[in-house]
């Protein structure tokens, strides 16, 4: 009887992880039907339970690539939480009759999840960004969220992902830092390849690929105003800042794919 009572007490006292709603499929790619608050609560509860994970925040370009490139799709199959980054995905889910509740972007999570980390005592590691940007982002996040524990900061050199010696040494540095949350900011899909390499060695850590978000934190790159984001025109703001790099992505690939996504979603209602 005592043994049974003790076992029950262990079960009762163990951290519980909130279950997630059923996923929504867009062009055959499942996306979690979660709010930002649900995302934060799920990650925090998982960390407390000793379980790690991998967040993917698909925008229109990522959705296009995972639904048209088999190798890219295979790369992200290991992601455990997928949150809609782009407004076209929200619109498509509504047209299909399976609405996603809101955007949950990497550019927002770098602030909201870090605030939660500071509150709950989680250790954060910043990996990526141009030289000096990671350190500047860490300093800014410490200013914004007193008590934040920065486990480490690393800005890898160009081509680091092709250097086996560097990759293995980097993995040892991240392991030694023992982070709860690792932000990887080297752009899609390189950051996902880096996460896939690191994650088996850190099964209790959460990994997030967040693209250019360190530069948003530091102010090196300005994010679009909230109204522009809600109207789904953030891509225009981004393209105006980096036309040479982004014009083809948005104009040649993005707009035709957005039309396809919205039409097919409406037809599959």
Protein backbone atom coordinates (compact mmCIF):
# COMPACT_ATOMS: atom_id res chain seq x y z
CA UNK A 1 0.00 0.00 0.00
CA UNK A 2 2.80 2.40 0.89
CA UNK A 3 4.68 1.53 -2.28
CA UNK A 4 1.53 2.16 -4.33
CA UNK A 5 0.90 5.49 -2.61
CA UNK A 6 4.49 6.58 -3.20
CA UNK A 7 4.24 5.68 -6.91
CA UNK A 8 0.99 7.62 -7.21
CA UNK A 9 2.62 10.61 -5.56
CA UNK A 10 5.46 10.51 -8.09
CA UNK A 11 2.99 10.44 -10.95
CA UNK A 12 0.95 13.28 -9.46
CA UNK A 13 4.00 15.47 -8.82
CA UNK A 14 5.60 14.97 -12.24
CA UNK A 15 5.28 17.96 -14.59
CA UNK A 16 2.43 17.73 -17.07
CA UNK A 17 2.72 18.89 -20.67
CA UNK A 18 -0.46 20.44 -22.10
CA UNK A 19 -1.79 18.57 -25.10
CA UNK A 20 -1.95 20.39 -28.42
CA UNK A 21 -5.00 20.73 -30.69
CA UNK A 22 -5.14 18.69 -33.91
CA UNK A 23 -2.95 20.01 -36.69
CA UNK A 24 -4.17 21.81 -39.79
CA UNK A 25 -2.91 20.59 -43.16
CA UNK A 26 -1.96 23.09 -45.87
CA UNK A 27 -1.03 21.48 -49.19
CA UNK A 28 -0.37 18.29 -47.26
CA UNK A 29 1.96 19.89 -44.69
CA UNK A 30 0.64 19.72 -41.09
CA UNK A 31 0.84 22.90 -38.98
CA UNK A 32 -0.02 23.19 -35.30
CA UNK A 33 -3.24 25.03 -34.51
CA UNK A 34 -1.80 27.01 -31.60
CA UNK A 35 -1.74 30.53 -30.25
CA UNK A 36 1.45 32.19 -29.08
CA UNK A 37 0.45 31.60 -25.45
CA UNK A 38 -0.12 27.90 -26.09
CA UNK A 39 3.28 27.73 -27.75
CA UNK A 40 5.00 29.33 -24.76
CA UNK A 41 3.14 27.14 -22.26
CA UNK A 42 3.94 23.96 -24.20
CA UNK A 43 7.65 24.74 -24.47
CA UNK A 44 7.93 25.77 -20.81
CA UNK A 45 6.10 22.67 -19.58
CA UNK A 46 8.24 20.44 -21.78
CA UNK A 47 11.46 21.96 -20.43
CA UNK A 48 10.29 21.44 -16.86
CA UNK A 49 9.50 17.81 -17.74
CA UNK A 50 12.97 17.31 -19.21
CA UNK A 51 11.72 17.00 -22.78
CA UNK A 52 13.18 19.00 -25.64
CA UNK A 53 11.79 19.85 -29.04
CA UNK A 54 12.20 21.68 -32.31
CA UNK A 55 10.09 24.62 -33.47
CA UNK A 56 9.60 25.38 -37.15
CA UNK A 57 7.84 28.65 -38.06
CA UNK A 58 6.79 28.15 -41.70
CA UNK A 59 6.13 31.28 -43.73
CA UNK A 60 5.02 31.27 -47.36
CA UNK A 61 8.52 30.59 -48.70
CA UNK A 62 9.17 27.74 -46.27
CA UNK A 63 5.79 26.17 -47.06
CA UNK A 64 6.57 26.44 -50.78
CA UNK A 65 9.88 24.69 -50.33
CA UNK A 66 8.71 21.89 -48.03
CA UNK A 67 5.84 21.10 -50.39
CA UNK A 68 7.97 21.11 -53.57
CA UNK A 69 11.43 19.92 -52.46
CA UNK A 70 11.53 16.33 -51.10
CA UNK A 71 14.93 16.81 -49.43
CA UNK A 72 13.73 19.93 -47.61
CA UNK A 73 10.52 18.17 -46.55
CA UNK A 74 12.56 15.25 -45.18
CA UNK A 75 14.80 17.67 -43.28
CA UNK A 76 11.90 19.23 -41.34
CA UNK A 77 9.96 16.04 -40.66
CA UNK A 78 11.72 15.91 -37.29
CA UNK A 79 10.21 19.20 -36.12
CA UNK A 80 7.93 18.80 -33.12
CA UNK A 81 6.06 22.11 -33.16
CA UNK A 82 5.10 24.01 -36.33
CA UNK A 83 3.61 27.48 -36.02
CA UNK A 84 2.30 29.61 -38.88
CA UNK A 85 4.57 32.58 -39.53
CA UNK A 86 2.92 34.13 -42.60
CA UNK A 87 -0.51 35.72 -43.02
CA UNK A 88 -1.14 33.85 -46.31
CA UNK A 89 -1.08 30.63 -44.26
CA UNK A 90 -3.69 32.07 -41.90
CA UNK A 91 -5.87 33.16 -44.83
CA UNK A 92 -5.52 29.76 -46.52
CA UNK A 93 -6.52 27.92 -43.34
CA UNK A 94 -9.66 30.07 -43.10
CA UNK A 95 -10.56 29.48 -46.74
CA UNK A 96 -10.17 25.76 -46.14
CA UNK A 97 -12.50 25.91 -43.14
CA UNK A 98 -9.84 24.84 -40.63
CA UNK A 99 -8.68 28.22 -39.29
CA UNK A 100 -5.34 28.64 -37.57
CA UNK A 101 -5.85 30.97 -34.59
CA UNK A 102 -2.99 33.43 -35.20
CA UNK A 103 0.53 33.96 -36.50
CA UNK A 104 3.26 32.72 -34.18
CA UNK A 105 6.48 34.02 -35.68
CA UNK A 106 10.11 33.47 -34.85
CA UNK A 107 10.52 37.24 -34.79
CA UNK A 108 7.94 37.41 -31.99
CA UNK A 109 9.15 34.33 -30.12
CA UNK A 110 12.66 35.75 -29.76
CA UNK A 111 11.01 38.29 -27.43
CA UNK A 112 8.09 36.42 -25.86
CA UNK A 113 9.86 33.11 -25.30
CA UNK A 114 12.96 34.88 -23.97
CA UNK A 115 10.75 36.83 -21.55
CA UNK A 116 9.28 33.51 -20.40
CA UNK A 117 12.80 32.06 -20.08
CA UNK A 118 13.85 34.95 -17.84
CA UNK A 119 10.75 34.45 -15.68
CA UNK A 120 11.13 30.67 -15.39
CA UNK A 121 14.92 30.56 -15.08
CA UNK A 122 15.62 28.84 -18.42
CA UNK A 123 19.06 29.15 -20.00
CA UNK A 124 19.22 30.59 -23.54
CA UNK A 125 21.91 30.09 -26.20
CA UNK A 126 22.22 32.38 -29.25
CA UNK A 127 23.79 30.78 -32.31
CA UNK A 128 24.17 32.71 -35.57
CA UNK A 129 24.04 36.24 -36.90
CA UNK A 130 26.82 38.36 -38.36
CA UNK A 131 29.92 38.96 -36.19
CA UNK A 132 28.93 41.00 -33.16
CA UNK A 133 25.18 40.77 -33.80
CA UNK A 134 24.68 37.79 -31.49
CA UNK A 135 26.49 39.54 -28.63
CA UNK A 136 24.52 42.73 -29.24
CA UNK A 137 21.25 40.76 -29.30
CA UNK A 138 22.17 39.02 -26.04
CA UNK A 139 22.94 42.37 -24.39
CA UNK A 140 19.65 43.83 -25.60
CA UNK A 141 17.66 40.83 -24.38
CA UNK A 142 19.33 41.07 -20.96
CA UNK A 143 18.31 44.74 -20.79
CA UNK A 144 14.74 43.92 -21.75
CA UNK A 145 14.37 40.91 -19.45
CA UNK A 146 16.36 41.25 -16.20
CA UNK A 147 17.53 37.95 -14.78
CA UNK A 148 17.83 36.31 -18.19
CA UNK A 149 20.49 33.60 -18.19
CA UNK A 150 22.51 33.61 -21.42
CA UNK A 151 24.16 30.20 -21.65
CA UNK A 152 26.32 31.22 -24.62
CA UNK A 153 26.63 33.22 -27.82
CA UNK A 154 28.32 32.11 -31.04
CA UNK A 155 28.47 33.73 -34.48
CA UNK A 156 29.87 31.05 -36.81
CA UNK A 157 32.00 32.12 -39.80
CA UNK A 158 30.78 31.91 -43.39
CA UNK A 159 30.76 28.32 -44.62
CA UNK A 160 30.95 26.84 -41.11
CA UNK A 161 28.35 24.19 -41.94
CA UNK A 162 30.73 22.67 -44.51
CA UNK A 163 33.56 22.40 -41.97
CA UNK A 164 33.22 19.12 -40.06
CA UNK A 165 35.85 20.04 -37.47
CA UNK A 166 34.13 23.33 -36.71
CA UNK A 167 30.69 21.72 -36.51
CA UNK A 168 31.84 19.08 -34.03
CA UNK A 169 33.68 21.65 -31.91
CA UNK A 170 30.63 23.91 -31.97
CA UNK A 171 28.44 21.03 -30.84
CA UNK A 172 30.75 20.40 -27.88
CA UNK A 173 30.53 24.08 -26.90
CA UNK A 174 26.74 24.02 -27.00
CA UNK A 175 26.62 20.78 -24.99
CA UNK A 176 28.95 22.26 -22.37
CA UNK A 177 26.72 25.34 -22.06
CA UNK A 178 23.73 23.14 -21.12
CA UNK A 179 21.04 25.42 -22.60
CA UNK A 180 17.29 24.96 -22.26
CA UNK A 181 16.56 27.00 -25.40
CA UNK A 182 18.78 27.40 -28.46
CA UNK A 183 18.00 30.08 -31.05
CA UNK A 184 19.65 29.30 -34.39
CA UNK A 185 19.72 32.29 -36.74
CA UNK A 186 21.51 31.37 -39.96
CA UNK A 187 18.56 31.27 -42.40
CA UNK A 188 16.35 28.51 -43.75
CA UNK A 189 17.18 25.69 -44.45
CA UNK A 190 20.78 25.94 -43.19
CA UNK A 191 19.59 26.55 -39.64
CA UNK A 192 17.41 23.46 -39.81
CA UNK A 193 20.40 21.37 -40.91
CA UNK A 194 22.38 22.77 -37.97
CA UNK A 195 19.53 21.96 -35.57
CA UNK A 196 19.25 18.42 -36.95
CA UNK A 197 22.98 18.01 -36.26
CA UNK A 198 22.87 19.42 -32.72
CA UNK A 199 19.57 18.13 -31.40
CA UNK A 200 20.44 14.44 -30.81
CA UNK A 201 23.17 15.55 -28.38
CA UNK A 202 20.76 17.79 -26.45
CA UNK A 203 17.46 15.89 -26.15
CA UNK A 204 16.19 18.08 -23.29
CA UNK A 205 16.73 21.39 -25.13
CA UNK A 206 14.34 23.28 -27.38
CA UNK A 207 15.65 24.54 -30.72
CA UNK A 208 14.16 27.34 -32.80
CA UNK A 209 15.28 28.44 -36.26
CA UNK A 210 14.64 32.19 -36.30
CA UNK A 211 16.30 33.55 -39.44
CA UNK A 212 17.20 37.22 -39.24
CA UNK A 213 15.58 37.82 -35.85
CA UNK A 214 18.81 38.73 -34.00
CA UNK A 215 19.03 41.75 -36.30
CA UNK A 216 15.44 42.67 -35.40
CA UNK A 217 16.41 42.56 -31.71
CA UNK A 218 19.42 44.82 -32.21
CA UNK A 219 17.68 47.18 -34.64
CA UNK A 220 20.13 46.50 -37.47
CA UNK A 221 17.06 45.53 -39.53
CA UNK A 222 13.71 47.21 -38.95
CA UNK A 223 10.62 45.04 -38.76
CA UNK A 224 7.44 46.16 -40.47
CA UNK A 225 4.85 48.08 -38.39
CA UNK A 226 2.11 45.95 -36.82
CA UNK A 227 -0.56 47.19 -39.22
CA UNK A 228 1.58 46.22 -42.21
CA UNK A 229 2.09 42.78 -40.66
CA UNK A 230 -1.64 42.28 -40.10
CA UNK A 231 -2.36 43.25 -43.71
CA UNK A 232 0.04 40.55 -44.88
CA UNK A 233 2.40 43.10 -46.44
CA UNK A 234 5.46 42.53 -44.28
CA UNK A 235 7.18 41.05 -47.33
CA UNK A 236 6.95 44.44 -49.11
CA UNK A 237 8.67 46.12 -46.17
CA UNK A 238 11.40 43.45 -46.11
CA UNK A 239 11.94 43.58 -49.86
CA UNK A 240 12.30 47.36 -49.75
CA UNK A 241 15.19 46.91 -47.31
CA UNK A 242 16.94 44.10 -49.22
CA UNK A 243 15.66 44.17 -52.83
CA UNK A 244 18.67 42.41 -54.30
CA UNK A 245 18.32 39.41 -52.03
CA UNK A 246 14.54 39.17 -51.68
CA UNK A 247 12.94 40.36 -54.94
CA UNK A 248 13.17 36.98 -56.66
CA UNK A 249 11.92 35.12 -53.59
CA UNK A 250 8.83 37.31 -53.23
CA UNK A 251 7.98 38.32 -56.80
CA UNK A 252 9.00 35.27 -58.84
CA UNK A 253 8.25 32.51 -56.33
CA UNK A 254 6.13 34.00 -53.56
CA UNK A 255 3.20 35.64 -55.32
CA UNK A 256 2.42 32.73 -57.70
CA UNK A 257 2.67 30.25 -54.83
CA UNK A 258 0.41 32.39 -52.63
CA UNK A 259 -2.25 32.41 -55.37
CA UNK A 260 -1.95 28.62 -55.72
CA UNK A 261 -2.19 28.12 -51.94
CA UNK A 262 -5.27 30.28 -51.55
CA UNK A 263 -7.10 28.82 -54.57
CA UNK A 264 -6.42 25.19 -53.63
CA UNK A 265 -7.37 25.84 -50.00
CA UNK A 266 -10.69 27.36 -51.07
CA UNK A 267 -11.39 24.41 -53.39
CA UNK A 268 -10.62 21.88 -50.65
CA UNK A 269 -13.02 23.41 -48.14
